[in-house]
Protein backbone atom coordinates (compact mmCIF):
# COMPACT_ATOMS: atom_id res chain seq x y z
CA MET A 1 0.16 0.07 0.11
CA ILE A 2 2.69 2.46 0.94
CA LYS A 3 4.95 1.54 -2.23
CA LYS A 4 1.84 2.21 -4.40
CA LEU A 5 1.05 5.70 -2.76
CA TRP A 6 4.83 6.41 -3.12
CA ASP A 7 5.00 5.17 -6.62
CA PHE A 8 1.74 7.35 -7.53
CA GLY A 9 3.19 10.37 -5.72
CA TRP A 10 6.50 9.91 -7.59
CA GLY A 11 4.91 9.50 -10.85
CA LEU A 12 2.65 12.57 -10.42
CA TYR A 13 5.87 14.70 -9.33
CA ARG A 14 7.78 13.49 -12.43
CA LYS A 15 4.72 14.21 -14.65
CA HIS A 16 4.52 17.84 -13.29
CA GLU A 17 8.10 18.37 -12.10
CA GLU A 18 8.64 21.75 -13.49
CA GLY A 19 5.38 23.26 -12.10
CA ILE A 20 5.76 21.63 -8.81
CA ASN A 21 9.39 22.75 -8.35
CA TYR A 22 8.18 26.19 -9.53
CA LEU A 23 5.58 26.21 -6.88
CA ILE A 24 7.97 25.00 -4.17
CA PHE A 25 10.89 27.43 -4.97
CA GLY A 26 8.23 30.19 -5.74
CA PHE A 27 6.94 29.81 -2.32
CA LEU A 28 10.43 29.82 -0.82
CA ALA A 29 11.24 33.04 -2.66
CA PHE A 30 7.83 34.51 -1.51
CA VAL A 31 8.64 33.68 2.21
CA LEU A 32 12.39 35.09 1.69
CA ASN A 33 10.79 38.29 0.25
CA TYR A 34 8.18 38.60 2.86
CA ILE A 35 10.56 38.05 5.77
CA LEU A 36 13.04 40.63 4.46
CA TYR A 37 10.22 42.92 3.72
CA PHE A 38 9.20 42.62 7.54
CA ILE A 39 13.05 43.07 8.58
CA PHE A 40 13.36 45.95 6.42
CA ALA A 41 9.90 47.75 6.96
CA ASP A 42 9.59 47.01 10.70
CA ALA A 43 12.86 46.02 12.39
CA ILE A 44 14.87 48.76 10.34
CA ALA A 45 11.87 50.92 9.93
CA MET A 46 12.38 51.59 6.22
CA HIS A 47 9.70 53.11 4.10
CA TYR A 48 7.60 50.39 2.56
CA MET A 49 8.87 51.47 -0.87
CA ALA A 50 12.45 50.96 0.02
CA ALA A 51 11.78 47.96 1.92
CA THR A 52 10.03 46.47 -1.13
CA GLY A 53 12.84 47.58 -3.44
CA LEU A 54 15.46 45.88 -1.33
CA SER A 55 13.73 42.80 -0.48
CA TRP A 56 13.34 42.34 -4.15
CA VAL A 57 16.96 42.62 -5.22
CA LEU A 58 18.09 39.96 -2.55
CA THR A 59 15.12 37.60 -3.47
CA VAL A 60 15.78 37.92 -7.26
CA VAL A 61 19.44 36.50 -6.84
CA PHE A 62 17.68 33.62 -5.08
CA ALA A 63 15.10 33.19 -7.66
CA TYR A 64 17.50 33.19 -10.58
CA TRP A 65 19.57 30.41 -9.07
CA THR A 66 16.80 28.20 -7.99
CA ASN A 67 14.89 28.73 -11.55
CA ARG A 68 18.00 28.04 -13.46
CA THR A 69 19.25 25.03 -11.51
CA PHE A 70 15.96 23.23 -9.98
CA VAL A 71 12.98 24.51 -12.08
CA PHE A 72 13.95 25.11 -15.69
CA LYS A 73 17.31 23.10 -15.57
CA SER A 74 18.74 25.42 -17.97
CA GLN A 75 21.73 23.64 -19.72
CA ASN A 76 23.47 26.86 -20.85
CA LYS A 77 27.10 26.76 -20.25
CA GLU A 78 28.66 29.29 -22.21
CA LYS A 79 29.48 32.68 -20.56
CA ALA A 80 27.50 34.54 -23.45
CA SER A 81 24.38 32.18 -23.16
CA VAL A 82 24.43 32.42 -19.44
CA LEU A 83 24.92 36.33 -19.38
CA ARG A 84 21.83 36.51 -21.94
CA GLU A 85 19.85 34.40 -19.75
CA PHE A 86 20.68 36.26 -16.59
CA ILE A 87 19.96 39.70 -18.25
CA SER A 88 16.66 38.52 -19.55
CA PHE A 89 15.87 37.14 -16.04
CA ILE A 90 16.63 40.38 -14.42
CA GLY A 91 14.93 42.29 -17.01
CA ALA A 92 11.55 40.22 -16.48
CA ARG A 93 11.91 40.67 -12.70
CA VAL A 94 12.34 44.71 -13.25
CA ALA A 95 9.14 44.56 -15.11
CA THR A 96 7.31 42.64 -12.49
CA GLU A 97 8.91 44.70 -9.76
CA VAL A 98 7.61 47.94 -11.34
CA LEU A 99 4.10 46.29 -11.41
CA GLU A 100 4.62 45.30 -7.94
CA LEU A 101 5.70 48.95 -6.75
CA ALA A 102 2.83 50.44 -8.75
CA LEU A 103 0.22 48.02 -7.15
CA MET A 104 1.75 48.72 -3.77
CA TYR A 105 1.33 52.44 -4.35
CA VAL A 106 -2.11 52.09 -5.47
CA MET A 107 -3.37 49.72 -2.79
CA VAL A 108 -1.46 51.34 -0.02
CA ASP A 109 -1.59 55.14 -0.84
CA LEU A 110 -4.52 55.23 -2.93
CA CYS A 111 -6.90 52.76 -1.55
CA SER A 112 -5.60 52.67 2.19
CA VAL A 113 -5.09 48.88 2.13
CA ASN A 114 -2.79 47.55 4.96
CA ASP A 115 0.84 47.19 3.58
CA LYS A 116 1.03 43.78 4.69
CA ILE A 117 -2.10 42.66 3.17
CA SER A 118 -1.08 44.62 -0.19
CA LYS A 119 2.50 42.78 -0.16
CA LEU A 120 0.62 39.45 0.10
CA VAL A 121 -1.73 40.32 -2.88
CA CYS A 122 1.18 41.72 -5.02
CA GLN A 123 3.35 38.74 -4.41
CA VAL A 124 0.66 36.28 -5.66
CA LEU A 125 0.61 38.34 -9.02
CA VAL A 126 4.13 38.76 -9.26
CA ILE A 127 4.73 35.17 -8.72
CA LEU A 128 2.42 34.18 -11.46
CA ALA A 129 3.73 36.74 -13.77
CA ASN A 130 7.31 35.63 -13.28
CA TYR A 131 6.38 31.93 -14.05
CA VAL A 132 4.92 32.94 -17.39
CA LEU A 133 7.80 35.22 -18.32
CA SER A 134 10.22 32.40 -17.42
CA LYS A 135 8.46 29.83 -19.30
CA ILE A 136 7.77 31.67 -22.50
CA TRP A 137 10.75 33.86 -22.60
CA ILE A 138 13.77 33.48 -20.63
CA PHE A 139 14.16 29.58 -20.24
CA LYS A 140 12.22 28.55 -23.29
CA ASP A 141 15.00 27.03 -25.45
CA THR A 142 17.38 26.30 -22.84
CA THR A 143 15.82 23.77 -20.57
CA LYS A 144 16.41 19.97 -20.44
CA LYS A 145 13.07 18.25 -20.94
CA ALA A 146 11.98 16.19 -18.22
CA GLY A 147 11.81 12.47 -19.32
């Protein structure tokens, strides 16, 4: 019984490995971003916009490494290819960070929504946008297909 459950679970994971790994590492990036935001916004008393920006910078480094290594399993080894991939990743993340900053401004300053709740809503939207951009643009031709 346990072996059948294990085999079923493992088969399900292998079938949806990329999506599951993205959810796992996306969740870890979300947690890291949120913890850093709380540290910067509350413990250090940074303005929420500065805290959002700084938490983003640190989280993007983590996200690039995990997306490249564990999610999309990029096979790029040449320096020029890796640099293009990294620049594309940063460009996409800059675009979604601008989206996050704009949404934070609208929600917090214009709509008076709590900044922590706003941050949560923004993170969900950003994680979804980041997956789509990574899948269709950044890692589209550079990944090893799961077999």
